[in-house]
Amino acid sequence: MIYVNEKEISYKPNMTLGEALAAAGEEVDGMTLLLLDGKVMSFAQHAFEEIEDGAKIKVLRVVSGG
């Protein structure tokens, strides 16, 4: 089991961060901060970064304006 913003997602061997986000229904772009087990992940790497069972992923939207 993995967790995306505390939502439980079934883990599959060799699962990537991108696959986990898709399974959770999360869409990300360059204005999204991704944390994998508390470590900041690069948006460019998210599609390829393999995760382990029990991983905790946080998706934070960067908001700007004036």
Foldseek 3Di string as FASTA:
>chain_A
DEAEQHDDDDDDPQDFQVNVCVRVVHDDDQQKWKAKQNHTDHPVCRRRHGDDPHIYMYIHGHDDDD
